């Protein structure tokens, strides 16, 4: 199974903004928290002032009997 590259996630988020204007949520669990933050940072660099950070939520949840930390980053495209 191939792991998606950072650019794949960024392009998917940009396409998401084009197809569904409004809010998108980037979520990372466990070891993928840093990947979610990297995707946000790359989007912020590419879109600049056109990106609005709406909410950041951190916490933990039970997944298949294990407790995993997560980060949820809600974004909105301004223009």
N, C-alpha and C. Protein backbone atom coordinates (compact mmCIF):
# COMPACT_ATOMS: atom_id res chain seq x y z
N UNK A 1 0.85 -1.19 0.00
CA UNK A 1 0.00 0.00 0.00
C UNK A 1 0.89 1.24 0.00
N UNK A 2 0.61 2.15 -0.90
CA UNK A 2 1.40 3.36 -1.04
C UNK A 2 0.88 4.44 -0.11
N UNK A 3 1.79 5.08 0.60
CA UNK A 3 1.43 6.21 1.46
C UNK A 3 1.36 7.47 0.59
N UNK A 4 0.33 8.26 0.80
CA UNK A 4 0.21 9.50 0.04
C UNK A 4 1.29 10.48 0.45
N UNK A 5 1.78 11.22 -0.54
CA UNK A 5 2.77 12.24 -0.23
C UNK A 5 2.05 13.49 0.29
N UNK A 6 2.82 14.38 0.85
CA UNK A 6 2.27 15.63 1.36
C UNK A 6 1.55 16.39 0.25
N UNK A 7 2.15 16.43 -0.93
CA UNK A 7 1.54 17.14 -2.05
C UNK A 7 0.19 16.54 -2.44
N UNK A 8 0.06 15.22 -2.34
CA UNK A 8 -1.23 14.58 -2.64
C UNK A 8 -2.33 15.10 -1.72
N UNK A 9 -2.02 15.20 -0.44
CA UNK A 9 -3.00 15.70 0.53
C UNK A 9 -3.32 17.18 0.28
N UNK A 10 -2.31 17.96 -0.05
CA UNK A 10 -2.52 19.39 -0.30
C UNK A 10 -3.40 19.59 -1.53
N UNK A 11 -3.11 18.87 -2.59
CA UNK A 11 -3.92 18.98 -3.82
C UNK A 11 -5.35 18.53 -3.54
N UNK A 12 -5.51 17.46 -2.77
CA UNK A 12 -6.86 17.00 -2.42
C UNK A 12 -7.63 18.06 -1.64
N UNK A 13 -6.96 18.77 -0.75
CA UNK A 13 -7.61 19.84 0.01
C UNK A 13 -8.01 21.00 -0.91
N UNK A 14 -7.13 21.37 -1.83
CA UNK A 14 -7.43 22.46 -2.76
C UNK A 14 -8.61 22.08 -3.65
N UNK A 15 -8.63 20.85 -4.14
CA UNK A 15 -9.77 20.38 -4.94
C UNK A 15 -11.04 20.38 -4.09
N UNK A 16 -10.92 20.01 -2.83
CA UNK A 16 -12.07 20.05 -1.93
C UNK A 16 -12.65 21.44 -1.80
N UNK A 17 -11.78 22.45 -1.74
CA UNK A 17 -12.25 23.83 -1.67
C UNK A 17 -12.99 24.21 -2.95
N UNK A 18 -12.53 23.72 -4.10
CA UNK A 18 -13.16 24.07 -5.37
C UNK A 18 -14.50 23.35 -5.54
N UNK A 19 -14.57 22.10 -5.11
CA UNK A 19 -15.80 21.33 -5.29
C UNK A 19 -16.87 21.66 -4.25
N UNK A 20 -16.44 21.93 -3.02
CA UNK A 20 -17.37 22.19 -1.93
C UNK A 20 -16.95 23.45 -1.21
N UNK A 21 -17.37 24.61 -1.71
CA UNK A 21 -16.96 25.84 -1.02
C UNK A 21 -17.46 25.82 0.42
N UNK A 22 -16.68 26.36 1.27
CA UNK A 22 -17.04 26.37 2.68
C UNK A 22 -15.92 25.80 3.51
N UNK A 23 -16.28 24.94 4.42
CA UNK A 23 -15.35 24.44 5.42
C UNK A 23 -14.77 23.08 5.02
N UNK A 24 -13.46 22.92 5.21
CA UNK A 24 -12.86 21.60 5.13
C UNK A 24 -12.16 21.32 6.46
N UNK A 25 -12.03 20.05 6.78
CA UNK A 25 -11.41 19.64 8.04
C UNK A 25 -10.26 18.69 7.72
N UNK A 26 -9.10 19.01 8.25
CA UNK A 26 -7.94 18.13 8.15
C UNK A 26 -7.80 17.46 9.51
N UNK A 27 -7.78 16.13 9.51
CA UNK A 27 -7.70 15.41 10.78
C UNK A 27 -6.54 14.43 10.74
N UNK A 28 -5.76 14.43 11.80
CA UNK A 28 -4.66 13.48 11.93
C UNK A 28 -4.75 12.78 13.27
N UNK A 29 -4.56 11.46 13.26
CA UNK A 29 -4.60 10.68 14.50
C UNK A 29 -3.25 10.03 14.74
N UNK A 30 -2.90 9.94 16.02
CA UNK A 30 -1.68 9.24 16.42
C UNK A 30 -0.45 9.78 15.71
N UNK A 31 0.30 8.90 15.04
CA UNK A 31 1.54 9.34 14.39
C UNK A 31 1.30 10.26 13.19
N UNK A 32 0.05 10.40 12.75
CA UNK A 32 -0.25 11.24 11.59
C UNK A 32 -0.66 12.66 11.96
N UNK A 33 -0.57 13.01 13.24
CA UNK A 33 -0.85 14.38 13.67
C UNK A 33 0.10 15.35 12.98
N UNK A 34 1.37 15.01 12.93
CA UNK A 34 2.35 15.90 12.31
C UNK A 34 2.08 16.05 10.81
N UNK A 35 1.56 15.01 10.17
CA UNK A 35 1.22 15.09 8.74
C UNK A 35 0.09 16.09 8.52
N UNK A 36 -0.92 16.08 9.40
CA UNK A 36 -2.03 17.03 9.29
C UNK A 36 -1.53 18.46 9.45
N UNK A 37 -0.62 18.68 10.39
CA UNK A 37 -0.05 20.02 10.59
C UNK A 37 0.78 20.43 9.37
N UNK A 38 1.54 19.49 8.81
CA UNK A 38 2.33 19.78 7.60
C UNK A 38 1.42 20.17 6.43
N UNK A 39 0.29 19.47 6.29
CA UNK A 39 -0.67 19.80 5.22
C UNK A 39 -1.20 21.21 5.43
N UNK A 40 -1.57 21.55 6.65
CA UNK A 40 -2.05 22.91 6.93
C UNK A 40 -0.99 23.95 6.59
N UNK A 41 0.25 23.72 7.03
CA UNK A 41 1.32 24.69 6.78
C UNK A 41 1.57 24.87 5.28
N UNK A 42 1.52 23.80 4.52
CA UNK A 42 1.71 23.89 3.07
C UNK A 42 0.55 24.63 2.42
N UNK A 43 -0.68 24.36 2.87
CA UNK A 43 -1.84 25.10 2.35
C UNK A 43 -1.72 26.59 2.66
N UNK A 44 -1.31 26.91 3.89
CA UNK A 44 -1.17 28.31 4.29
C UNK A 44 -0.11 29.00 3.44
N UNK A 45 0.95 28.28 3.12
CA UNK A 45 2.01 28.87 2.29
C UNK A 45 1.51 29.08 0.86
N UNK A 46 0.77 28.13 0.32
CA UNK A 46 0.30 28.23 -1.07
C UNK A 46 -0.84 29.23 -1.23
N UNK A 47 -1.78 29.24 -0.28
CA UNK A 47 -2.97 30.08 -0.42
C UNK A 47 -2.84 31.43 0.28
N UNK A 48 -1.87 31.56 1.17
CA UNK A 48 -1.60 32.83 1.84
C UNK A 48 -2.81 33.38 2.56
N UNK A 49 -3.14 34.64 2.27
CA UNK A 49 -4.25 35.31 2.93
C UNK A 49 -5.62 34.77 2.51
N UNK A 50 -5.65 33.92 1.51
CA UNK A 50 -6.92 33.35 1.05
C UNK A 50 -7.42 32.22 1.92
N UNK A 51 -6.67 31.88 2.95
CA UNK A 51 -7.03 30.76 3.83
C UNK A 51 -7.32 31.28 5.22
N UNK A 52 -8.44 30.85 5.79
CA UNK A 52 -8.81 31.26 7.15
C UNK A 52 -8.82 30.03 8.06
N UNK A 53 -8.09 30.11 9.15
CA UNK A 53 -8.09 29.05 10.16
C UNK A 53 -9.30 29.29 11.06
N UNK A 54 -10.27 28.37 11.02
CA UNK A 54 -11.52 28.53 11.75
C UNK A 54 -11.40 27.99 13.17
N UNK A 55 -10.86 26.75 13.28
CA UNK A 55 -10.82 26.12 14.60
C UNK A 55 -9.77 25.02 14.59
N UNK A 56 -9.09 24.87 15.72
CA UNK A 56 -8.18 23.74 15.94
C UNK A 56 -8.66 23.02 17.19
N UNK A 57 -8.85 21.73 17.06
CA UNK A 57 -9.32 20.92 18.19
C UNK A 57 -8.33 19.78 18.40
N UNK A 58 -7.94 19.57 19.65
CA UNK A 58 -7.08 18.43 19.98
C UNK A 58 -7.77 17.60 21.04
N UNK A 59 -7.50 16.33 21.03
CA UNK A 59 -8.12 15.46 22.02
C UNK A 59 -7.69 14.03 21.81
N UNK A 60 -8.47 13.11 22.35
CA UNK A 60 -8.20 11.69 22.17
C UNK A 60 -9.53 10.98 21.95
N UNK A 61 -9.45 9.85 21.24
CA UNK A 61 -10.64 9.06 20.95
C UNK A 61 -10.26 7.58 20.91
N UNK A 62 -11.24 6.76 21.10
CA UNK A 62 -11.00 5.31 21.08
C UNK A 62 -11.20 4.81 19.65
N UNK A 63 -10.18 4.13 19.14
CA UNK A 63 -10.22 3.55 17.80
C UNK A 63 -9.79 2.10 17.91
N UNK A 64 -10.70 1.19 17.59
CA UNK A 64 -10.43 -0.25 17.67
C UNK A 64 -9.84 -0.65 19.01
N UNK A 65 -10.40 -0.13 20.08
CA UNK A 65 -9.97 -0.50 21.42
C UNK A 65 -8.76 0.24 21.95
N UNK A 66 -8.15 1.08 21.12
CA UNK A 66 -6.98 1.85 21.56
C UNK A 66 -7.36 3.32 21.65
N UNK A 67 -6.72 4.03 22.55
CA UNK A 67 -6.94 5.46 22.66
C UNK A 67 -5.85 6.17 21.87
N UNK A 68 -6.28 6.98 20.89
CA UNK A 68 -5.35 7.72 20.05
C UNK A 68 -5.59 9.22 20.20
N UNK A 69 -4.52 9.97 20.24
CA UNK A 69 -4.61 11.42 20.21
C UNK A 69 -4.96 11.85 18.79
N UNK A 70 -5.60 13.02 18.67
CA UNK A 70 -5.91 13.53 17.34
C UNK A 70 -5.83 15.05 17.33
N UNK A 71 -5.72 15.58 16.11
CA UNK A 71 -5.85 17.01 15.89
C UNK A 71 -6.83 17.18 14.73
N UNK A 72 -7.70 18.14 14.86
CA UNK A 72 -8.68 18.45 13.83
C UNK A 72 -8.54 19.94 13.50
N UNK A 73 -8.22 20.24 12.25
CA UNK A 73 -7.97 21.62 11.82
C UNK A 73 -9.06 22.00 10.82
N UNK A 74 -9.90 22.96 11.18
CA UNK A 74 -10.99 23.42 10.31
C UNK A 74 -10.55 24.67 9.57
N UNK A 75 -10.74 24.65 8.24
CA UNK A 75 -10.28 25.74 7.38
C UNK A 75 -11.41 26.22 6.47
N UNK A 76 -11.31 27.47 6.09
CA UNK A 76 -12.25 28.06 5.14
C UNK A 76 -11.45 28.89 4.15
N UNK A 77 -11.83 28.79 2.89
CA UNK A 77 -11.19 29.61 1.86
C UNK A 77 -11.91 30.96 1.83
N UNK A 78 -11.13 32.05 1.91
CA UNK A 78 -11.73 33.38 2.00
C UNK A 78 -12.30 33.87 0.67
N UNK A 79 -11.60 33.65 -0.42
CA UNK A 79 -12.04 34.22 -1.70
C UNK A 79 -12.61 33.14 -2.58
